[in-house]
Amino acid sequence: MKERNKITICMGSSCFARGNRANLELLESFLETNDLRQAIDLTGSRCEQCCPRGPNIRIGETSYHGVDEGSLLDLLEALAAGPEEV
């Protein structure tokens, strides 16, 4: 699997409380709706070591900080569009 097809969402208490609970729901819904469950490896981590900048999500090797539902949707749409978009 290509690394860009891996999404890691921080499930540490800080990120989870600051928005990754809603982000996880959005991620799961987006993957299901767009038939991407087989193409994307969605995993959770206990901590991405950037608590003050959270909620944190990593797509491939790129980390994103302060991710809210709007910015996450933008990232997911770019990921679905193709490799040069993310």
N, C-alpha and C. Protein backbone atom coordinates (compact mmCIF):
# COMPACT_ATOMS: atom_id res chain seq x y z
N MET A 1 0.84 -1.19 0.00
CA MET A 1 0.00 0.00 0.00
C MET A 1 0.88 1.25 0.00
N LYS A 2 0.58 2.19 -0.84
CA LYS A 2 1.32 3.45 -0.86
C LYS A 2 1.09 4.19 0.45
N GLU A 3 2.14 4.88 0.92
CA GLU A 3 2.06 5.57 2.20
C GLU A 3 0.98 6.65 2.19
N ARG A 4 0.75 7.29 1.06
CA ARG A 4 -0.26 8.35 1.01
C ARG A 4 -1.67 7.81 1.20
N ASN A 5 -1.82 6.51 1.15
CA ASN A 5 -3.13 5.91 1.35
C ASN A 5 -3.38 5.54 2.80
N LYS A 6 -2.52 6.02 3.69
CA LYS A 6 -2.69 5.74 5.11
C LYS A 6 -3.05 7.04 5.83
N ILE A 7 -4.14 6.99 6.60
CA ILE A 7 -4.56 8.13 7.41
C ILE A 7 -4.49 7.69 8.86
N THR A 8 -3.76 8.46 9.66
CA THR A 8 -3.64 8.19 11.08
C THR A 8 -4.26 9.36 11.84
N ILE A 9 -5.23 9.05 12.66
CA ILE A 9 -5.91 10.08 13.45
C ILE A 9 -5.50 9.92 14.91
N CYS A 10 -5.09 11.01 15.51
CA CYS A 10 -4.67 10.97 16.90
C CYS A 10 -5.90 10.80 17.80
N MET A 11 -5.84 9.77 18.63
CA MET A 11 -6.94 9.50 19.54
C MET A 11 -6.54 9.79 20.99
N GLY A 12 -5.43 10.50 21.17
CA GLY A 12 -5.03 10.92 22.51
C GLY A 12 -6.12 11.80 23.10
N SER A 13 -6.16 11.87 24.42
CA SER A 13 -7.27 12.57 25.09
C SER A 13 -7.40 14.03 24.66
N SER A 14 -6.29 14.72 24.45
CA SER A 14 -6.35 16.13 24.06
C SER A 14 -6.96 16.29 22.67
N CYS A 15 -6.44 15.56 21.71
CA CYS A 15 -6.96 15.67 20.34
C CYS A 15 -8.40 15.17 20.24
N PHE A 16 -8.70 14.09 20.94
CA PHE A 16 -10.05 13.53 20.89
C PHE A 16 -11.05 14.54 21.43
N ALA A 17 -10.71 15.17 22.55
CA ALA A 17 -11.62 16.15 23.17
C ALA A 17 -11.71 17.43 22.34
N ARG A 18 -10.66 17.77 21.60
CA ARG A 18 -10.63 19.02 20.86
C ARG A 18 -11.18 18.90 19.44
N GLY A 19 -11.65 17.72 19.05
CA GLY A 19 -12.29 17.64 17.74
C GLY A 19 -12.11 16.35 16.98
N ASN A 20 -11.18 15.50 17.38
CA ASN A 20 -10.99 14.28 16.59
C ASN A 20 -12.11 13.26 16.77
N ARG A 21 -12.94 13.44 17.78
CA ARG A 21 -14.13 12.58 17.88
C ARG A 21 -15.02 12.84 16.66
N ALA A 22 -15.31 14.10 16.37
CA ALA A 22 -16.13 14.46 15.20
C ALA A 22 -15.38 14.17 13.91
N ASN A 23 -14.05 14.40 13.91
CA ASN A 23 -13.26 14.14 12.71
C ASN A 23 -13.27 12.65 12.35
N LEU A 24 -13.22 11.79 13.34
CA LEU A 24 -13.26 10.35 13.08
C LEU A 24 -14.59 9.97 12.43
N GLU A 25 -15.68 10.51 12.93
CA GLU A 25 -16.99 10.23 12.33
C GLU A 25 -17.03 10.70 10.88
N LEU A 26 -16.48 11.90 10.63
CA LEU A 26 -16.45 12.43 9.26
C LEU A 26 -15.59 11.55 8.36
N LEU A 27 -14.42 11.14 8.86
CA LEU A 27 -13.54 10.27 8.08
C LEU A 27 -14.24 8.97 7.70
N GLU A 28 -14.83 8.32 8.67
CA GLU A 28 -15.51 7.05 8.40
C GLU A 28 -16.65 7.22 7.41
N SER A 29 -17.41 8.28 7.56
CA SER A 29 -18.53 8.54 6.66
C SER A 29 -18.03 8.83 5.24
N PHE A 30 -16.99 9.65 5.12
CA PHE A 30 -16.43 10.00 3.81
C PHE A 30 -15.91 8.76 3.10
N LEU A 31 -15.17 7.93 3.81
CA LEU A 31 -14.62 6.71 3.20
C LEU A 31 -15.73 5.78 2.73
N GLU A 32 -16.77 5.65 3.53
CA GLU A 32 -17.90 4.79 3.18
C GLU A 32 -18.67 5.36 1.98
N THR A 33 -19.01 6.63 2.04
CA THR A 33 -19.79 7.28 0.99
C THR A 33 -19.08 7.27 -0.35
N ASN A 34 -17.75 7.43 -0.32
CA ASN A 34 -16.97 7.51 -1.55
C ASN A 34 -16.31 6.18 -1.92
N ASP A 35 -16.76 5.10 -1.29
CA ASP A 35 -16.28 3.75 -1.58
C ASP A 35 -14.75 3.66 -1.54
N LEU A 36 -14.16 4.24 -0.48
CA LEU A 36 -12.71 4.27 -0.34
C LEU A 36 -12.20 3.38 0.79
N ARG A 37 -13.08 2.62 1.41
CA ARG A 37 -12.68 1.78 2.55
C ARG A 37 -11.52 0.84 2.19
N GLN A 38 -11.53 0.28 1.00
CA GLN A 38 -10.47 -0.65 0.60
C GLN A 38 -9.19 0.07 0.18
N ALA A 39 -9.30 1.33 -0.22
CA ALA A 39 -8.14 2.06 -0.73
C ALA A 39 -7.39 2.83 0.35
N ILE A 40 -8.03 3.09 1.47
CA ILE A 40 -7.43 3.89 2.54
C ILE A 40 -7.31 3.05 3.80
N ASP A 41 -6.12 3.07 4.39
CA ASP A 41 -5.88 2.39 5.66
C ASP A 41 -6.05 3.43 6.76
N LEU A 42 -7.16 3.39 7.47
CA LEU A 42 -7.46 4.33 8.55
C LEU A 42 -7.04 3.71 9.88
N THR A 43 -6.13 4.37 10.57
CA THR A 43 -5.67 3.88 11.86
C THR A 43 -5.71 5.00 12.88
N GLY A 44 -5.67 4.62 14.13
CA GLY A 44 -5.61 5.58 15.21
C GLY A 44 -4.27 5.48 15.91
N SER A 45 -3.86 6.55 16.54
CA SER A 45 -2.64 6.53 17.35
C SER A 45 -2.98 7.09 18.72
N ARG A 46 -2.20 6.74 19.69
CA ARG A 46 -2.44 7.26 21.04
C ARG A 46 -2.00 8.70 21.17
N CYS A 47 -0.95 9.07 20.46
CA CYS A 47 -0.49 10.46 20.51
C CYS A 47 0.43 10.72 19.33
N GLU A 48 0.29 11.86 18.72
CA GLU A 48 1.14 12.27 17.61
C GLU A 48 2.23 13.26 18.07
N GLN A 49 2.34 13.45 19.37
CA GLN A 49 3.39 14.28 19.98
C GLN A 49 3.29 15.77 19.63
N CYS A 50 2.12 16.23 19.29
CA CYS A 50 1.89 17.64 18.95
C CYS A 50 0.64 18.15 19.66
N CYS A 51 0.45 17.74 20.89
CA CYS A 51 -0.80 18.02 21.62
C CYS A 51 -1.24 19.49 21.56
N PRO A 52 -0.34 20.44 21.79
CA PRO A 52 -0.79 21.84 21.77
C PRO A 52 -1.29 22.32 20.41
N ARG A 53 -0.95 21.59 19.34
CA ARG A 53 -1.34 22.00 17.99
C ARG A 53 -2.52 21.21 17.46
N GLY A 54 -3.11 20.36 18.28
CA GLY A 54 -4.17 19.45 17.84
C GLY A 54 -5.50 20.13 17.63
N PRO A 55 -6.43 19.37 17.10
CA PRO A 55 -6.37 17.95 16.80
C PRO A 55 -5.47 17.66 15.60
N ASN A 56 -4.77 16.52 15.68
CA ASN A 56 -3.77 16.15 14.70
C ASN A 56 -4.19 14.93 13.90
N ILE A 57 -3.88 15.01 12.60
CA ILE A 57 -4.15 13.90 11.67
C ILE A 57 -2.96 13.82 10.73
N ARG A 58 -2.56 12.60 10.40
CA ARG A 58 -1.47 12.40 9.46
C ARG A 58 -2.01 11.66 8.24
N ILE A 59 -1.69 12.18 7.06
CA ILE A 59 -2.03 11.52 5.80
C ILE A 59 -0.72 11.20 5.13
N GLY A 60 -0.44 9.91 4.99
CA GLY A 60 0.87 9.50 4.50
C GLY A 60 1.93 9.96 5.49
N GLU A 61 2.89 10.71 5.01
CA GLU A 61 3.96 11.23 5.86
C GLU A 61 3.73 12.68 6.29
N THR A 62 2.62 13.27 5.88
CA THR A 62 2.35 14.68 6.17
C THR A 62 1.41 14.80 7.36
N SER A 63 1.82 15.59 8.34
CA SER A 63 0.99 15.84 9.52
C SER A 63 0.23 17.14 9.36
N TYR A 64 -1.01 17.13 9.81
CA TYR A 64 -1.87 18.31 9.78
C TYR A 64 -2.30 18.60 11.21
N HIS A 65 -2.28 19.86 11.57
CA HIS A 65 -2.57 20.27 12.93
C HIS A 65 -3.76 21.24 12.95
N GLY A 66 -4.46 21.25 14.07
CA GLY A 66 -5.62 22.14 14.20
C GLY A 66 -6.72 21.78 13.22
N VAL A 67 -6.86 20.50 12.94
CA VAL A 67 -7.81 20.03 11.93
C VAL A 67 -9.23 20.09 12.47
N ASP A 68 -10.07 20.81 11.74
CA ASP A 68 -11.50 20.82 12.07
C ASP A 68 -12.23 20.11 10.93
N GLU A 69 -13.54 19.98 11.06
CA GLU A 69 -14.29 19.23 10.06
C GLU A 69 -14.20 19.84 8.67
N GLY A 70 -14.16 21.16 8.57
CA GLY A 70 -14.05 21.83 7.27
C GLY A 70 -12.72 21.56 6.60
N SER A 71 -11.63 21.72 7.35
CA SER A 71 -10.31 21.49 6.75
C SER A 71 -10.10 20.01 6.45
N LEU A 72 -10.65 19.13 7.28
CA LEU A 72 -10.54 17.69 7.02
C LEU A 72 -11.28 17.32 5.74
N LEU A 73 -12.45 17.86 5.55
CA LEU A 73 -13.20 17.58 4.32
C LEU A 73 -12.41 18.04 3.09
N ASP A 74 -11.77 19.21 3.17
CA ASP A 74 -10.93 19.69 2.07
C ASP A 74 -9.80 18.70 1.79
N LEU A 75 -9.14 18.22 2.85
CA LEU A 75 -8.04 17.26 2.69
C LEU A 75 -8.53 15.96 2.05
N LEU A 76 -9.67 15.48 2.51
CA LEU A 76 -10.21 14.23 1.98
C LEU A 76 -10.61 14.36 0.51
N GLU A 77 -11.21 15.47 0.17
CA GLU A 77 -11.60 15.68 -1.23
C GLU A 77 -10.36 15.76 -2.12
N ALA A 78 -9.30 16.41 -1.64
CA ALA A 78 -8.06 16.47 -2.40
C ALA A 78 -7.43 15.09 -2.52
N LEU A 79 -7.48 14.31 -1.46
CA LEU A 79 -6.93 12.96 -1.50
C LEU A 79 -7.70 12.10 -2.51
N ALA A 80 -9.00 12.22 -2.53
CA ALA A 80 -9.83 11.45 -3.45
C ALA A 80 -9.60 11.89 -4.91
N ALA A 81 -9.23 13.17 -5.10
CA ALA A 81 -9.05 13.70 -6.44
C ALA A 81 -7.78 13.18 -7.12
N GLY A 82 -6.74 12.91 -6.34
CA GLY A 82 -5.52 12.39 -6.95
C GLY A 82 -4.28 12.74 -6.18
N PRO A 83 -3.17 12.10 -6.51
CA PRO A 83 -1.93 12.23 -5.74
C PRO A 83 -1.33 13.62 -5.73
N GLU A 84 -1.51 14.39 -6.76
CA GLU A 84 -0.90 15.71 -6.79
C GLU A 84 -1.71 16.75 -6.00
N GLU A 85 -2.87 16.40 -5.52
CA GLU A 85 -3.74 17.36 -4.85
C GLU A 85 -3.44 17.52 -3.35
N VAL A 86 -2.92 16.47 -2.70
CA VAL A 86 -2.70 16.53 -1.25
C VAL A 86 -1.28 16.94 -0.97
